[in-house]
């Protein structure tokens, strides 16, 4: 049964699979690992350009391990889920210092490293080392849930365990790398989330969901929960000539961990207290901009930007390493929270139009 399943997938993949991703050429464990991390929670079409820029700047694991965090986060800006980038950086340092720059060669050893889960580890082992190892990303889960009509949300513990058991049962000993890619490609194309092209699928003769005309029911969705709304005020503190904006480095944990962002105050607070505590003097009137909504996986954040022009730029301010003046004309390589980057880009364009 396992061979029949994998043979159908592999035969289909030879003709219809995706073979030209940048991480599939001159394959190394480093390339596969970076692509696997980027592809978590992010579509392939988005990842390709980020991957190519990342590889140009950090062509080897050693280059990544020696870079500073700000530079790494800068090249991740826009991909979201920034803990992925911080863990990527941490793991590069660990592999460089503790493993002589070589990736561990077992799933068990790989999942001990920051940011590498069971599926990512399987992908590295199979794709870069040509050893049999199962994967279970979202595309693979969808294929298996439909093929077996598996009830329940895939992230539930019991359902997830069932899917892993099935994934390992079907993973072939030989040609595992191509098989894993074929499963992902099938899930991303014919077995798509909506309107699956079941008539073209190589697995249709054994697919329980297809045979029962229930394909679009699977996999079952997570029970819907209304996202709460939080609000914050971001202070856009601009130098008197308008060419610099004060940024604050966020803590390494939590939302936007380790990124540079605009200082925040409660929506009930006045900016005056912040300015007074930090020795800053306002020039002119404040300007309140339209609210921006940024949606995270578990809540909406309504951001009220308030532009305040300061009397003069400060060369140093408060704790070193926590604050920096962001040069709108020459921003440098720093990691920025997505809505902050959007605001700063807008200010930069306004500044450029005045020059």
C-alpha atoms as a PDB file:
ATOM      1  CA  UNK A   1       0.000   0.000   0.000  1.00  0.00           C
ATOM      2  CA  UNK A   2       2.779   2.437   0.904  1.00  0.00           C
ATOM      3  CA  UNK A   3       4.597   1.825  -2.380  1.00  0.00           C
ATOM      4  CA  UNK A   4       1.443   2.201  -4.461  1.00  0.00           C
ATOM      5  CA  UNK A   5       0.637   5.519  -2.764  1.00  0.00           C
ATOM      6  CA  UNK A   6       4.145   6.947  -3.156  1.00  0.00           C
ATOM      7  CA  UNK A   7       4.548   5.662  -6.718  1.00  0.00           C
ATOM      8  CA  UNK A   8       1.425   7.520  -7.825  1.00  0.00           C
ATOM      9  CA  UNK A   9       2.635  10.709  -6.183  1.00  0.00           C
ATOM     10  CA  UNK A  10       6.142  10.443  -7.636  1.00  0.00           C
ATOM     11  CA  UNK A  11       4.929   9.664 -11.147  1.00  0.00           C
ATOM     12  CA  UNK A  12       2.624  12.696 -11.055  1.00  0.00           C
ATOM     13  CA  UNK A  13       5.405  14.887  -9.656  1.00  0.00           C
ATOM     14  CA  UNK A  14       7.850  14.091 -12.450  1.00  0.00           C
ATOM     15  CA  UNK A  15       5.565  15.823 -14.919  1.00  0.00           C
ATOM     16  CA  UNK A  16       3.570  18.295 -12.851  1.00  0.00           C
ATOM     17  CA  UNK A  17       5.677  19.104  -9.784  1.00  0.00           C
ATOM     18  CA  UNK A  18       7.605  22.276  -9.002  1.00  0.00           C
ATOM     19  CA  UNK A  19      11.307  21.848  -9.745  1.00  0.00           C
ATOM     20  CA  UNK A  20      12.736  25.366 -10.086  1.00  0.00           C
ATOM     21  CA  UNK A  21      12.671  26.949  -6.648  1.00  0.00           C
ATOM     22  CA  UNK A  22      16.001  28.640  -5.814  1.00  0.00           C
ATOM     23  CA  UNK A  23      16.555  26.370  -2.803  1.00  0.00           C
ATOM     24  CA  UNK A  24      16.275  23.298  -5.050  1.00  0.00           C
ATOM     25  CA  UNK A  25      19.413  24.173  -7.005  1.00  0.00           C
ATOM     26  CA  UNK A  26      22.911  23.425  -5.634  1.00  0.00           C
ATOM     27  CA  UNK A  27      21.086  22.039  -2.624  1.00  0.00           C
ATOM     28  CA  UNK A  28      22.703  22.288   0.825  1.00  0.00           C
ATOM     29  CA  UNK A  29      21.384  21.727   4.340  1.00  0.00           C
ATOM     30  CA  UNK A  30      21.778  25.469   4.947  1.00  0.00           C
ATOM     31  CA  UNK A  31      19.621  26.450   1.945  1.00  0.00           C
ATOM     32  CA  UNK A  32      16.987  23.853   2.731  1.00  0.00           C
ATOM     33  CA  UNK A  33      16.837  24.956   6.372  1.00  0.00           C
ATOM     34  CA  UNK A  34      16.449  28.657   5.554  1.00  0.00           C
ATOM     35  CA  UNK A  35      13.736  27.909   2.983  1.00  0.00           C
ATOM     36  CA  UNK A  36      11.896  25.601   5.402  1.00  0.00           C
ATOM     37  CA  UNK A  37      11.841  28.307   8.083  1.00  0.00           C
ATOM     38  CA  UNK A  38      10.734  31.012   5.652  1.00  0.00           C
ATOM     39  CA  UNK A  39       7.960  28.800   4.273  1.00  0.00           C
ATOM     40  CA  UNK A  40       6.397  28.376   7.705  1.00  0.00           C
ATOM     41  CA  UNK A  41       3.210  30.493   7.701  1.00  0.00           C
ATOM     42  CA  UNK A  42       4.243  32.134   4.400  1.00  0.00           C
ATOM     43  CA  UNK A  43       3.318  31.431   0.782  1.00  0.00           C
ATOM     44  CA  UNK A  44       5.955  30.280  -1.691  1.00  0.00           C
ATOM     45  CA  UNK A  45       5.388  33.236  -4.024  1.00  0.00           C
ATOM     46  CA  UNK A  46       6.282  35.626  -1.195  1.00  0.00           C
ATOM     47  CA  UNK A  47       9.257  33.621   0.053  1.00  0.00           C
ATOM     48  CA  UNK A  48      11.208  33.395  -3.228  1.00  0.00           C
ATOM     49  CA  UNK A  49      12.399  37.014  -3.367  1.00  0.00           C
ATOM     50  CA  UNK A  50      13.142  37.080   0.381  1.00  0.00           C
ATOM     51  CA  UNK A  51      15.123  33.850   0.098  1.00  0.00           C
ATOM     52  CA  UNK A  52      17.209  35.177  -2.787  1.00  0.00           C
ATOM     53  CA  UNK A  53      18.034  38.425  -0.963  1.00  0.00           C
ATOM     54  CA  UNK A  54      18.801  36.535   2.230  1.00  0.00           C
ATOM     55  CA  UNK A  55      21.173  34.165   0.435  1.00  0.00           C
ATOM     56  CA  UNK A  56      22.937  37.046  -1.297  1.00  0.00           C
ATOM     57  CA  UNK A  57      23.573  38.719   2.063  1.00  0.00           C
ATOM     58  CA  UNK A  58      24.195  35.514   4.070  1.00  0.00           C
ATOM     59  CA  UNK A  59      25.513  32.963   1.538  1.00  0.00           C
ATOM     60  CA  UNK A  60      26.735  30.532   4.213  1.00  0.00           C
ATOM     61  CA  UNK A  61      25.806  29.506   7.721  1.00  0.00           C
ATOM     62  CA  UNK A  62      29.022  31.135   8.966  1.00  0.00           C
ATOM     63  CA  UNK A  63      28.003  34.453   7.399  1.00  0.00           C
ATOM     64  CA  UNK A  64      24.656  34.251   9.167  1.00  0.00           C
ATOM     65  CA  UNK A  65      26.198  33.285  12.502  1.00  0.00           C
ATOM     66  CA  UNK A  66      28.567  36.264  12.407  1.00  0.00           C
ATOM     67  CA  UNK A  67      25.923  38.838  11.484  1.00  0.00           C
ATOM     68  CA  UNK A  68      24.299  41.070  14.079  1.00  0.00           C
ATOM     69  CA  UNK A  69      20.631  40.585  14.892  1.00  0.00           C
ATOM     70  CA  UNK A  70      19.556  43.938  13.461  1.00  0.00           C
ATOM     71  CA  UNK A  71      20.918  43.019  10.047  1.00  0.00           C
ATOM     72  CA  UNK A  72      19.216  39.612  10.109  1.00  0.00           C
ATOM     73  CA  UNK A  73      15.891  41.177  11.098  1.00  0.00           C
ATOM     74  CA  UNK A  74      16.282  43.810   8.383  1.00  0.00           C
ATOM     75  CA  UNK A  75      16.436  41.100   5.719  1.00  0.00           C
ATOM     76  CA  UNK A  76      13.388  39.462   7.320  1.00  0.00           C
ATOM     77  CA  UNK A  77      11.301  42.636   7.500  1.00  0.00           C
ATOM     78  CA  UNK A  78       7.928  42.010   5.867  1.00  0.00           C
ATOM     79  CA  UNK A  79       7.926  38.219   6.282  1.00  0.00           C
ATOM     80  CA  UNK A  80       6.338  38.414   9.718  1.00  0.00           C
ATOM     81  CA  UNK A  81       6.568  35.948  12.618  1.00  0.00           C
ATOM     82  CA  UNK A  82       9.933  37.431  13.557  1.00  0.00           C
ATOM     83  CA  UNK A  83      10.716  34.793  16.154  1.00  0.00           C
ATOM     84  CA  UNK A  84      11.598  32.654  13.115  1.00  0.00           C
ATOM     85  CA  UNK A  85      14.419  35.039  12.197  1.00  0.00           C
ATOM     86  CA  UNK A  86      15.729  35.285  15.757  1.00  0.00           C
ATOM     87  CA  UNK A  87      15.733  31.493  16.092  1.00  0.00           C
ATOM     88  CA  UNK A  88      17.416  31.162  12.699  1.00  0.00           C
ATOM     89  CA  UNK A  89      20.179  33.433  13.923  1.00  0.00           C
ATOM     90  CA  UNK A  90      20.527  31.596  17.259  1.00  0.00           C
ATOM     91  CA  UNK A  91      20.671  28.205  15.555  1.00  0.00           C
ATOM     92  CA  UNK A  92      23.316  29.373  13.080  1.00  0.00           C
ATOM     93  CA  UNK A  93      25.505  30.412  16.016  1.00  0.00           C
ATOM     94  CA  UNK A  94      24.956  27.078  17.793  1.00  0.00           C
ATOM     95  CA  UNK A  95      25.737  24.980  14.703  1.00  0.00           C
ATOM     96  CA  UNK A  96      28.827  27.070  13.992  1.00  0.00           C
ATOM     97  CA  UNK A  97      30.202  26.909  17.517  1.00  0.00           C
ATOM     98  CA  UNK A  98      28.981  23.513  18.770  1.00  0.00           C
ATOM     99  CA  UNK A  99      28.779  21.387  15.619  1.00  0.00           C
ATOM    100  CA  UNK A 100      31.748  22.631  13.583  1.00  0.00           C
ATOM    101  CA  UNK A 101      29.362  24.298  11.151  1.00  0.00           C
ATOM    102  CA  UNK A 102      27.692  20.988  10.227  1.00  0.00           C
ATOM    103  CA  UNK A 103      24.008  20.228  10.656  1.00  0.00           C
ATOM    104  CA  UNK A 104      23.115  17.294  12.929  1.00  0.00           C
ATOM    105  CA  UNK A 105      22.010  14.318  10.834  1.00  0.00           C
ATOM    106  CA  UNK A 106      19.032  13.022  12.817  1.00  0.00           C
ATOM    107  CA  UNK A 107      15.557  14.413  13.369  1.00  0.00           C
ATOM    108  CA  UNK A 108      15.995  14.018  17.119  1.00  0.00           C
ATOM    109  CA  UNK A 109      19.168  16.124  17.169  1.00  0.00           C
ATOM    110  CA  UNK A 110      17.780  18.808  14.859  1.00  0.00           C
ATOM    111  CA  UNK A 111      14.650  19.442  16.915  1.00  0.00           C
ATOM    112  CA  UNK A 112      16.858  20.316  19.879  1.00  0.00           C
ATOM    113  CA  UNK A 113      17.860  23.486  18.005  1.00  0.00           C
ATOM    114  CA  UNK A 114      15.840  26.732  18.301  1.00  0.00           C
ATOM    115  CA  UNK A 115      13.021  27.059  15.786  1.00  0.00           C
ATOM    116  CA  UNK A 116      13.307  23.585  14.265  1.00  0.00           C
ATOM    117  CA  UNK A 117      10.259  21.396  14.734  1.00  0.00           C
ATOM    118  CA  UNK A 118       9.617  17.831  13.688  1.00  0.00           C
ATOM    119  CA  UNK A 119       8.423  18.618  10.152  1.00  0.00           C
ATOM    120  CA  UNK A 120      11.228  21.093   9.454  1.00  0.00           C
ATOM    121  CA  UNK A 121      13.762  18.574  10.728  1.00  0.00           C
ATOM    122  CA  UNK A 122      12.277  15.907   8.474  1.00  0.00           C
ATOM    123  CA  UNK A 123      12.498  18.241   5.518  1.00  0.00           C
ATOM    124  CA  UNK A 124      16.188  18.936   6.138  1.00  0.00           C
ATOM    125  CA  UNK A 125      17.054  15.266   6.644  1.00  0.00           C
ATOM    126  CA  UNK A 126      15.187  14.111   3.533  1.00  0.00           C
ATOM    127  CA  UNK A 127      15.932  16.940   1.148  1.00  0.00           C
ATOM    128  CA  UNK A 128      19.516  17.822   2.062  1.00  0.00           C
ATOM    129  CA  UNK A 129      20.818  14.475   3.337  1.00  0.00           C
ATOM    130  CA  UNK A 130      18.731  12.089   1.228  1.00  0.00           C
ATOM    131  CA  UNK A 131      17.605  10.062   4.231  1.00  0.00           C
ATOM    132  CA  UNK A 132      14.015   8.896   4.799  1.00  0.00           C
ATOM    133  CA  UNK A 133      12.102  11.264   7.083  1.00  0.00           C
ATOM    134  CA  UNK A 134       8.448  12.295   7.128  1.00  0.00           C
ATOM    135  CA  UNK A 135       7.140  15.847   6.927  1.00  0.00           C
ATOM    136  CA  UNK A 136       3.744  17.252   7.862  1.00  0.00           C
ATOM    137  CA  UNK A 137       3.252  20.806   6.669  1.00  0.00           C
ATOM    138  CA  UNK A 138      -0.158  22.314   5.920  1.00  0.00           C
ATOM    139  CA  UNK A 139      -0.272  21.002   2.360  1.00  0.00           C
ATOM    140  CA  UNK A 140       0.549  17.446   3.412  1.00  0.00           C
ATOM    141  CA  UNK A 141      -2.037  17.567   6.194  1.00  0.00           C
ATOM    142  CA  UNK A 142      -4.691  18.592   3.689  1.00  0.00           C
ATOM    143  CA  UNK A 143      -3.875  15.710   1.323  1.00  0.00           C
ATOM    144  CA  UNK A 144      -3.901  13.128   4.109  1.00  0.00           C
ATOM    145  CA  UNK A 145      -7.036  14.504   5.799  1.00  0.00           C
ATOM    146  CA  UNK A 146      -8.929  14.190   2.538  1.00  0.00           C
ATOM    147  CA  UNK A 147      -7.474  10.845   1.522  1.00  0.00           C
ATOM    148  CA  UNK A 148      -8.544   9.278   4.837  1.00  0.00           C
ATOM    149  CA  UNK A 149     -11.536  11.531   5.697  1.00  0.00           C
ATOM    150  CA  UNK A 150      -9.922  12.414   9.019  1.00  0.00           C
ATOM    151  CA  UNK A 151     -12.370  14.201  11.292  1.00  0.00           C
ATOM    152  CA  UNK A 152     -11.316  17.062  13.558  1.00  0.00           C
ATOM    153  CA  UNK A 153      -9.015  20.075  13.384  1.00  0.00           C
ATOM    154  CA  UNK A 154      -5.497  18.908  12.349  1.00  0.00           C
ATOM    155  CA  UNK A 155      -3.785  20.815  15.171  1.00  0.00           C
ATOM    156  CA  UNK A 156      -5.676  18.949  17.868  1.00  0.00           C
ATOM    157  CA  UNK A 157      -3.277  16.620  19.654  1.00  0.00           C
ATOM    158  CA  UNK A 158      -5.030  13.350  18.795  1.00  0.00           C
ATOM    159  CA  UNK A 159      -5.599  14.323  15.162  1.00  0.00           C
ATOM    160  CA  UNK A 160      -2.037  15.547  14.765  1.00  0.00           C
ATOM    161  CA  UNK A 161      -0.685  12.263  16.147  1.00  0.00           C
ATOM    162  CA  UNK A 162      -2.887  10.315  13.745  1.00  0.00           C
ATOM    163  CA  UNK A 163      -1.592  12.361  10.816  1.00  0.00           C
ATOM    164  CA  UNK A 164       2.033  11.808  11.836  1.00  0.00           C
ATOM    165  CA  UNK A 165       1.451   8.059  12.025  1.00  0.00           C
ATOM    166  CA  UNK A 166      -0.015   8.103   8.507  1.00  0.00           C
ATOM    167  CA  UNK A 167       2.712  10.391   7.133  1.00  0.00           C
ATOM    168  CA  UNK A 168       5.442   8.084   8.426  1.00  0.00           C
ATOM    169  CA  UNK A 169       3.637   5.021   7.097  1.00  0.00           C
ATOM    170  CA  UNK A 170       3.547   6.438   3.571  1.00  0.00           C
ATOM    171  CA  UNK A 171       7.056   7.939   3.491  1.00  0.00           C
ATOM    172  CA  UNK A 172       9.230   5.753   1.233  1.00  0.00           C
ATOM    173  CA  UNK A 173      12.722   4.587   2.155  1.00  0.00           C
ATOM    174  CA  UNK A 174      14.022   5.529  -1.304  1.00  0.00           C
ATOM    175  CA  UNK A 175      13.463   8.835  -3.135  1.00  0.00           C
ATOM    176  CA  UNK A 176      12.062  10.386   0.020  1.00  0.00           C
ATOM    177  CA  UNK A 177      13.147  13.926  -0.900  1.00  0.00           C
ATOM    178  CA  UNK A 178      11.148  13.894  -4.143  1.00  0.00           C
ATOM    179  CA  UNK A 179       8.206  12.241  -2.400  1.00  0.00           C
ATOM    180  CA  UNK A 180       8.036  14.964   0.266  1.00  0.00           C
ATOM    181  CA  UNK A 181       8.230  17.670  -2.378  1.00  0.00           C
ATOM    182  CA  UNK A 182       5.558  15.873  -4.404  1.00  0.00           C
ATOM    183  CA  UNK A 183       3.185  15.788  -1.418  1.00  0.00           C
ATOM    184  CA  UNK A 184       3.669  19.510  -0.808  1.00  0.00           C
ATOM    185  CA  UNK A 185       3.198  20.289  -4.502  1.00  0.00           C
ATOM    186  CA  UNK A 186       0.032  18.210  -4.710  1.00  0.00           C
ATOM    187  CA  UNK A 187      -1.428  20.007  -1.702  1.00  0.00           C
ATOM    188  CA  UNK A 188      -0.470  23.398  -3.130  1.00  0.00           C
ATOM    189  CA  UNK A 189      -1.964  22.711  -6.555  1.00  0.00           C
ATOM    190  CA  UNK A 190      -4.620  20.048  -7.236  1.00  0.00           C
ATOM    191  CA  UNK A 191      -5.497  19.446  -3.588  1.00  0.00           C
ATOM    192  CA  UNK A 192      -5.844  23.151  -2.824  1.00  0.00           C
ATOM    193  CA  UNK A 193      -7.788  24.521   0.118  1.00  0.00           C
ATOM    194  CA  UNK A 194     -10.758  25.559  -2.019  1.00  0.00           C
ATOM    195  CA  UNK A 195     -12.045  24.088  -5.270  1.00  0.00           C
ATOM    196  CA  UNK A 196      -9.666  21.089  -5.385  1.00  0.00           C
ATOM    197  CA  UNK A 197      -9.156  19.613  -8.854  1.00  0.00           C
ATOM    198  CA  UNK A 198      -9.964  16.083  -7.746  1.00  0.00           C
ATOM    199  CA  UNK A 199     -10.535  14.713 -11.254  1.00  0.00           C
ATOM    200  CA  UNK A 200      -6.863  15.368 -12.067  1.00  0.00           C
ATOM    201  CA  UNK A 201      -5.470  13.977  -8.803  1.00  0.00           C
ATOM    202  CA  UNK A 202      -3.284  10.846  -8.975  1.00  0.00           C
ATOM    203  CA  UNK A 203      -4.781   9.659  -5.664  1.00  0.00           C
ATOM    204  CA  UNK A 204      -8.461   9.980  -6.522  1.00  0.00           C
ATOM    205  CA  UNK A 205      -9.116   6.251  -6.847  1.00  0.00           C
ATOM    206  CA  UNK A 206      -8.328   5.739  -3.141  1.00  0.00           C
ATOM    207  CA  UNK A 207      -9.311   9.134  -1.715  1.00  0.00           C
ATOM    208  CA  UNK A 208     -12.199   8.657   0.712  1.00  0.00           C
ATOM    209  CA  UNK A 209     -13.249  12.302   0.618  1.00  0.00           C
ATOM    210  CA  UNK A 210     -13.367  12.326  -3.183  1.00  0.00           C
ATOM    211  CA  UNK A 211     -15.302   9.063  -3.347  1.00  0.00           C
ATOM    212  CA  UNK A 212     -17.818  10.419  -0.820  1.00  0.00           C
ATOM    213  CA  UNK A 213     -17.999  13.802  -2.612  1.00  0.00           C
ATOM    214  CA  UNK A 214     -16.801  15.528   0.581  1.00  0.00           C
ATOM    215  CA  UNK A 215     -13.384  16.859  -0.438  1.00  0.00           C
ATOM    216  CA  UNK A 216     -14.088  20.487   0.440  1.00  0.00           C
ATOM    217  CA  UNK A 217     -15.135  19.497   3.970  1.00  0.00           C
ATOM    218  CA  UNK A 218     -11.562  18.494   4.834  1.00  0.00           C
ATOM    219  CA  UNK A 219      -9.457  19.315   6.668  1.00  0.00           C
ATOM    220  CA  UNK A 220     -11.855  20.564   9.320  1.00  0.00           C
ATOM    221  CA  UNK A 221     -11.304  24.171  10.313  1.00  0.00           C
ATOM    222  CA  UNK A 222     -10.323  25.500  13.673  1.00  0.00           C
ATOM    223  CA  UNK A 223     -13.403  26.597  15.615  1.00  0.00           C
ATOM    224  CA  UNK A 224     -13.893  30.286  14.903  1.00  0.00           C
ATOM    225  CA  UNK A 225     -13.150  32.743  17.648  1.00  0.00           C
ATOM    226  CA  UNK A 226     -13.770  36.470  17.356  1.00  0.00           C
ATOM    227  CA  UNK A 227     -10.474  38.322  17.562  1.00  0.00           C
ATOM    228  CA  UNK A 228     -10.271  40.903  20.350  1.00  0.00           C
ATOM    229  CA  UNK A 229      -9.234  44.469  19.525  1.00  0.00           C
ATOM    230  CA  UNK A 230      -6.406  46.255  21.320  1.00  0.00           C
ATOM    231  CA  UNK A 231      -5.342  49.860  20.816  1.00  0.00           C
ATOM    232  CA  UNK A 232      -2.101  51.789  21.182  1.00  0.00           C
ATOM    233  CA  UNK A 233      -0.656  55.196  20.342  1.00  0.00           C
ATOM    234  CA  UNK A 234       2.629  55.317  18.440  1.00  0.00           C
ATOM    235  CA  UNK A 235       4.682  58.490  18.725  1.00  0.00           C
ATOM    236  CA  UNK A 236       6.297  59.587  15.481  1.00  0.00           C
ATOM    237  CA  UNK A 237       9.006  61.780  17.017  1.00  0.00           C
ATOM    238  CA  UNK A 238      10.599  63.695  14.165  1.00  0.00           C
ATOM    239  CA  UNK A 239      13.696  65.887  14.248  1.00  0.00           C
ATOM    240  CA  UNK A 240      13.191  69.592  13.585  1.00  0.00           C
ATOM    241  CA  UNK A 241      14.296  69.385   9.951  1.00  0.00           C
ATOM    242  CA  UNK A 242      12.193  66.260   9.409  1.00  0.00           C
ATOM    243  CA  UNK A 243      14.967  63.891   8.319  1.00  0.00           C
ATOM    244  CA  UNK A 244      15.121  61.638  11.404  1.00  0.00           C
ATOM    245  CA  UNK A 245      12.623  59.713  13.538  1.00  0.00           C
ATOM    246  CA  UNK A 246      13.229  58.293  17.020  1.00  0.00           C
ATOM    247  CA  UNK A 247      12.881  54.501  17.271  1.00  0.00           C
ATOM    248  CA  UNK A 248      12.849  52.192  20.277  1.00  0.00           C
ATOM    249  CA  UNK A 249      14.133  48.606  20.267  1.00  0.00           C
ATOM    250  CA  UNK A 250      11.477  46.191  21.467  1.00  0.00           C
ATOM    251  CA  UNK A 251      12.245  43.394  23.966  1.00  0.00           C
ATOM    252  CA  UNK A 252      13.535  40.165  22.407  1.00  0.00           C
ATOM    253  CA  UNK A 253      10.368  38.293  23.430  1.00  0.00           C
ATOM    254  CA  UNK A 254       6.760  38.962  22.524  1.00  0.00           C
ATOM    255  CA  UNK A 255       5.239  40.835  19.585  1.00  0.00           C
ATOM    256  CA  UNK A 256       7.812  42.256  17.170  1.00  0.00           C
ATOM    257  CA  UNK A 257      10.543  40.942  19.448  1.00  0.00           C
ATOM    258  CA  UNK A 258      13.943  42.510  18.768  1.00  0.00           C
ATOM    259  CA  UNK A 259      12.624  44.869  16.086  1.00  0.00           C
ATOM    260  CA  UNK A 260      12.847  48.640  16.045  1.00  0.00           C
ATOM    261  CA  UNK A 261       9.510  50.350  16.492  1.00  0.00           C
ATOM    262  CA  UNK A 262       7.999  53.717  17.330  1.00  0.00           C
ATOM    263  CA  UNK A 263       7.643  54.498  21.030  1.00  0.00           C
ATOM    264  CA  UNK A 264       4.205  53.540  22.334  1.00  0.00           C
ATOM    265  CA  UNK A 265       1.978  55.012  24.988  1.00  0.00           C
ATOM    266  CA  UNK A 266      -1.521  54.101  26.142  1.00  0.00           C
ATOM    267  CA  UNK A 267      -4.354  55.672  24.172  1.00  0.00           C
ATOM    268  CA  UNK A 268      -5.440  57.324  27.429  1.00  0.00           C
ATOM    269  CA  UNK A 269      -2.050  58.965  28.026  1.00  0.00           C
ATOM    270  CA  UNK A 270      -0.735  62.261  26.741  1.00  0.00           C
ATOM    271  CA  UNK A 271       2.612  62.372  24.912  1.00  0.00           C
ATOM    272  CA  UNK A 272       3.685  65.211  27.236  1.00  0.00           C
ATOM    273  CA  UNK A 273       4.745  62.851  30.033  1.00  0.00           C
ATOM    274  CA  UNK A 274       6.859  60.777  27.648  1.00  0.00           C
ATOM    275  CA  UNK A 275       8.570  63.902  26.303  1.00  0.00           C
ATOM    276  CA  UNK A 276       9.214  65.270  29.791  1.00  0.00           C
ATOM    277  CA  UNK A 277      10.667  62.030  31.181  1.00  0.00           C
ATOM    278  CA  UNK A 278      13.037  61.700  28.242  1.00  0.00           C
ATOM    279  CA  UNK A 279      14.152  65.319  28.050  1.00  0.00           C
ATOM    280  CA  UNK A 280      12.562  66.056  24.680  1.00  0.00           C
ATOM    281  CA  UNK A 281      10.983  69.364  23.707  1.00  0.00           C
ATOM    282  CA  UNK A 282       8.117  69.700  21.294  1.00  0.00           C
ATOM    283  CA  UNK A 283       8.099  72.145  18.396  1.00  0.00           C
ATOM    284  CA  UNK A 284       4.701  73.197  17.115  1.00  0.00           C
ATOM    285  CA  UNK A 285       1.451  71.277  17.301  1.00  0.00           C
ATOM    286  CA  UNK A 286       0.971  67.531  17.348  1.00  0.00           C
ATOM    287  CA  UNK A 287      -0.616  65.905  14.315  1.00  0.00           C
ATOM    288  CA  UNK A 288      -2.808  62.841  14.766  1.00  0.00           C
ATOM    289  CA  UNK A 289      -3.000  60.529  11.765  1.00  0.00           C
ATOM    290  CA  UNK A 290      -5.617  58.036  10.695  1.00  0.00           C
ATOM    291  CA  UNK A 291      -5.825  54.830  12.731  1.00  0.00           C
ATOM    292  CA  UNK A 292      -4.023  51.833  11.213  1.00  0.00           C
ATOM    293  CA  UNK A 293      -5.286  48.325  11.955  1.00  0.00           C
ATOM    294  CA  UNK A 294      -2.640  45.586  12.089  1.00  0.00           C
ATOM    295  CA  UNK A 295      -3.945  42.050  12.544  1.00  0.00           C
ATOM    296  CA  UNK A 296      -2.010  39.360  14.370  1.00  0.00           C
ATOM    297  CA  UNK A 297      -3.086  35.723  14.557  1.00  0.00           C
ATOM    298  CA  UNK A 298      -4.791  36.273  17.899  1.00  0.00           C
ATOM    299  CA  UNK A 299      -5.915  39.925  17.969  1.00  0.00           C
ATOM    300  CA  UNK A 300      -6.350  43.167  16.010  1.00  0.00           C
ATOM    301  CA  UNK A 301      -4.138  46.112  16.986  1.00  0.00           C
ATOM    302  CA  UNK A 302      -5.477  49.599  16.226  1.00  0.00           C
ATOM    303  CA  UNK A 303      -2.549  52.007  15.982  1.00  0.00           C
ATOM    304  CA  UNK A 304      -3.030  55.771  16.363  1.00  0.00           C
ATOM    305  CA  UNK A 305       0.104  57.502  15.023  1.00  0.00           C
ATOM    306  CA  UNK A 306       0.832  60.939  16.488  1.00  0.00           C
ATOM    307  CA  UNK A 307       3.435  63.085  14.725  1.00  0.00           C
ATOM    308  CA  UNK A 308       5.448  65.349  16.986  1.00  0.00           C
ATOM    309  CA  UNK A 309       8.215  67.580  15.710  1.00  0.00           C
ATOM    310  CA  UNK A 310      11.028  68.081  18.211  1.00  0.00           C
ATOM    311  CA  UNK A 311      13.012  71.258  18.718  1.00  0.00           C
ATOM    312  CA  UNK A 312      16.310  69.618  17.883  1.00  0.00           C
ATOM    313  CA  UNK A 313      17.592  66.092  17.218  1.00  0.00           C
ATOM    314  CA  UNK A 314      19.304  64.375  20.114  1.00  0.00           C
ATOM    315  CA  UNK A 315      22.636  62.652  19.453  1.00  0.00           C
ATOM    316  CA  UNK A 316      22.177  60.263  22.335  1.00  0.00           C
ATOM    317  CA  UNK A 317      19.161  59.509  24.421  1.00  0.00           C
ATOM    318  CA  UNK A 318      18.574  57.392  27.482  1.00  0.00           C
ATOM    319  CA  UNK A 319      19.794  53.807  27.476  1.00  0.00           C
ATOM    320  CA  UNK A 320      22.368  53.040  24.821  1.00  0.00           C
ATOM    321  CA  UNK A 321      21.204  50.285  22.512  1.00  0.00           C
ATOM    322  CA  UNK A 322      17.546  50.903  23.260  1.00  0.00           C
ATOM    323  CA  UNK A 323      17.066  54.013  21.136  1.00  0.00           C
ATOM    324  CA  UNK A 324      18.234  55.198  17.741  1.00  0.00           C
ATOM    325  CA  UNK A 325      17.574  58.021  15.325  1.00  0.00           C
ATOM    326  CA  UNK A 326      16.321  56.546  12.075  1.00  0.00           C
ATOM    327  CA  UNK A 327      17.620  58.496   9.086  1.00  0.00           C
ATOM    328  CA  UNK A 328      14.774  58.650   6.557  1.00  0.00           C
ATOM    329  CA  UNK A 329      17.153  59.377   3.669  1.00  0.00           C
ATOM    330  CA  UNK A 330      19.743  56.739   4.649  1.00  0.00           C
ATOM    331  CA  UNK A 331      17.874  54.259   6.854  1.00  0.00           C
ATOM    332  CA  UNK A 332      20.530  51.546   7.157  1.00  0.00           C
ATOM    333  CA  UNK A 333      19.815  47.882   7.746  1.00  0.00           C
ATOM    334  CA  UNK A 334      17.504  47.451  10.727  1.00  0.00           C
ATOM    335  CA  UNK A 335      14.530  45.202  11.378  1.00  0.00           C
ATOM    336  CA  UNK A 336      11.258  47.115  11.481  1.00  0.00           C
ATOM    337  CA  UNK A 337       7.749  46.138  12.492  1.00  0.00           C
ATOM    338  CA  UNK A 338       5.579  46.087   9.326  1.00  0.00           C
ATOM    339  CA  UNK A 339       3.240  49.001  10.193  1.00  0.00           C
ATOM    340  CA  UNK A 340       6.217  51.043  11.385  1.00  0.00           C
ATOM    341  CA  UNK A 341       8.033  50.471   8.097  1.00  0.00           C
ATOM    342  CA  UNK A 342       4.936  51.625   6.236  1.00  0.00           C
ATOM    343  CA  UNK A 343       4.778  54.839   8.269  1.00  0.00           C
ATOM    344  CA  UNK A 344       8.492  55.530   7.882  1.00  0.00           C
ATOM    345  CA  UNK A 345       8.404  54.860   4.143  1.00  0.00           C
ATOM    346  CA  UNK A 346       5.600  57.403   3.845  1.00  0.00           C
ATOM    347  CA  UNK A 347       7.609  60.003   5.753  1.00  0.00           C
ATOM    348  CA  UNK A 348      10.658  59.239   3.612  1.00  0.00           C
ATOM    349  CA  UNK A 349       8.675  59.829   0.434  1.00  0.00           C
ATOM    350  CA  UNK A 350       7.391  63.158   1.763  1.00  0.00           C
ATOM    351  CA  UNK A 351      10.935  64.203   2.658  1.00  0.00           C
ATOM    352  CA  UNK A 352      12.221  63.206  -0.778  1.00  0.00           C
ATOM    353  CA  UNK A 353       9.489  65.229  -2.510  1.00  0.00           C
ATOM    354  CA  UNK A 354      10.650  68.344  -0.625  1.00  0.00           C
ATOM    355  CA  UNK A 355      14.271  67.990  -1.715  1.00  0.00           C
END
